[in-house]
């Protein structure tokens, strides 16, 4: 069973948090930035916002060391 918050505004709150993370990306971990990008890729208000989130996700992924990316890919292959 999944717990659902009582506040009907929770999706808007999560989108606002994602925008805040991306606006101050230098202060957040790559993992948190990836999560924020994924939220905005799916729920962004405009096509431009969704595109910008996709581009930022590519940039963040490009910063990862190759061996970490390969380790992640191997872990996903086993799922």
Protein backbone atom coordinates (compact mmCIF):
# COMPACT_ATOMS: atom_id res chain seq x y z
CA UNK A 1 0.00 0.00 0.00
CA UNK A 2 1.31 3.42 -0.91
CA UNK A 3 0.99 6.35 1.44
CA UNK A 4 -0.44 9.41 -0.30
CA UNK A 5 -0.08 12.83 1.28
CA UNK A 6 -3.31 14.53 2.27
CA UNK A 7 -2.23 17.81 0.67
CA UNK A 8 -3.60 17.98 -2.89
CA UNK A 9 -0.87 20.49 -3.79
CA UNK A 10 1.97 17.98 -3.40
CA UNK A 11 2.70 17.65 -7.16
CA UNK A 12 3.07 21.42 -7.49
CA UNK A 13 5.25 21.44 -4.37
CA UNK A 14 7.57 18.77 -5.84
CA UNK A 15 7.83 20.67 -9.12
CA UNK A 16 8.68 23.87 -7.23
CA UNK A 17 11.36 21.99 -5.27
CA UNK A 18 12.80 20.57 -8.49
CA UNK A 19 12.99 24.05 -9.99
CA UNK A 20 14.73 25.34 -6.84
CA UNK A 21 17.31 22.54 -6.98
CA UNK A 22 18.10 23.25 -10.61
CA UNK A 23 18.22 27.00 -10.02
CA UNK A 24 20.94 26.43 -7.40
CA UNK A 25 22.54 23.35 -8.96
CA UNK A 26 26.04 24.27 -7.77
CA UNK A 27 24.92 23.70 -4.18
CA UNK A 28 23.33 20.27 -4.75
CA UNK A 29 24.59 16.76 -5.42
CA UNK A 30 24.45 15.29 -8.90
CA UNK A 31 22.01 12.70 -7.61
CA UNK A 32 19.57 15.37 -6.42
CA UNK A 33 19.98 17.31 -9.65
CA UNK A 34 19.19 14.13 -11.62
CA UNK A 35 16.02 13.63 -9.59
CA UNK A 36 14.98 17.25 -10.17
CA UNK A 37 15.66 16.93 -13.91
CA UNK A 38 13.57 13.78 -14.11
CA UNK A 39 10.67 15.52 -12.37
CA UNK A 40 10.82 18.45 -14.78
CA UNK A 41 11.27 16.25 -17.85
CA UNK A 42 7.95 14.63 -17.03
CA UNK A 43 6.05 17.44 -15.31
CA UNK A 44 7.62 20.66 -16.62
CA UNK A 45 5.15 23.42 -17.49
CA UNK A 46 6.53 24.15 -20.95
CA UNK A 47 8.36 22.29 -23.69
CA UNK A 48 11.33 24.64 -23.14
CA UNK A 49 11.50 23.73 -19.44
CA UNK A 50 11.33 20.01 -20.27
CA UNK A 51 14.04 20.40 -22.94
CA UNK A 52 16.32 22.35 -20.59
CA UNK A 53 15.94 19.62 -17.98
CA UNK A 54 16.87 16.95 -20.56
CA UNK A 55 19.95 18.94 -21.59
CA UNK A 56 21.04 19.45 -17.98
CA UNK A 57 20.61 15.73 -17.33
CA UNK A 58 22.95 14.97 -20.26
CA UNK A 59 25.52 17.43 -18.88
CA UNK A 60 25.32 15.95 -15.37
CA UNK A 61 25.68 12.42 -16.75
CA UNK A 62 28.67 13.49 -18.86
CA UNK A 63 30.47 14.67 -15.70
CA UNK A 64 30.36 11.20 -14.16
CA UNK A 65 33.52 9.17 -14.36
CA UNK A 66 33.31 6.43 -16.97
CA UNK A 67 33.82 3.60 -14.48
CA UNK A 68 30.91 4.80 -12.32
CA UNK A 69 28.62 4.95 -15.35
CA UNK A 70 29.69 1.46 -16.40
CA UNK A 71 29.05 0.15 -12.89
CA UNK A 72 25.56 1.67 -12.95
CA UNK A 73 24.84 0.18 -16.38
CA UNK A 74 25.95 -3.27 -15.21
CA UNK A 75 23.73 -2.98 -12.14
CA UNK A 76 20.72 -2.06 -14.26
CA UNK A 77 21.36 -4.97 -16.65
CA UNK A 78 20.92 -7.37 -13.75
CA UNK A 79 17.44 -6.02 -12.94
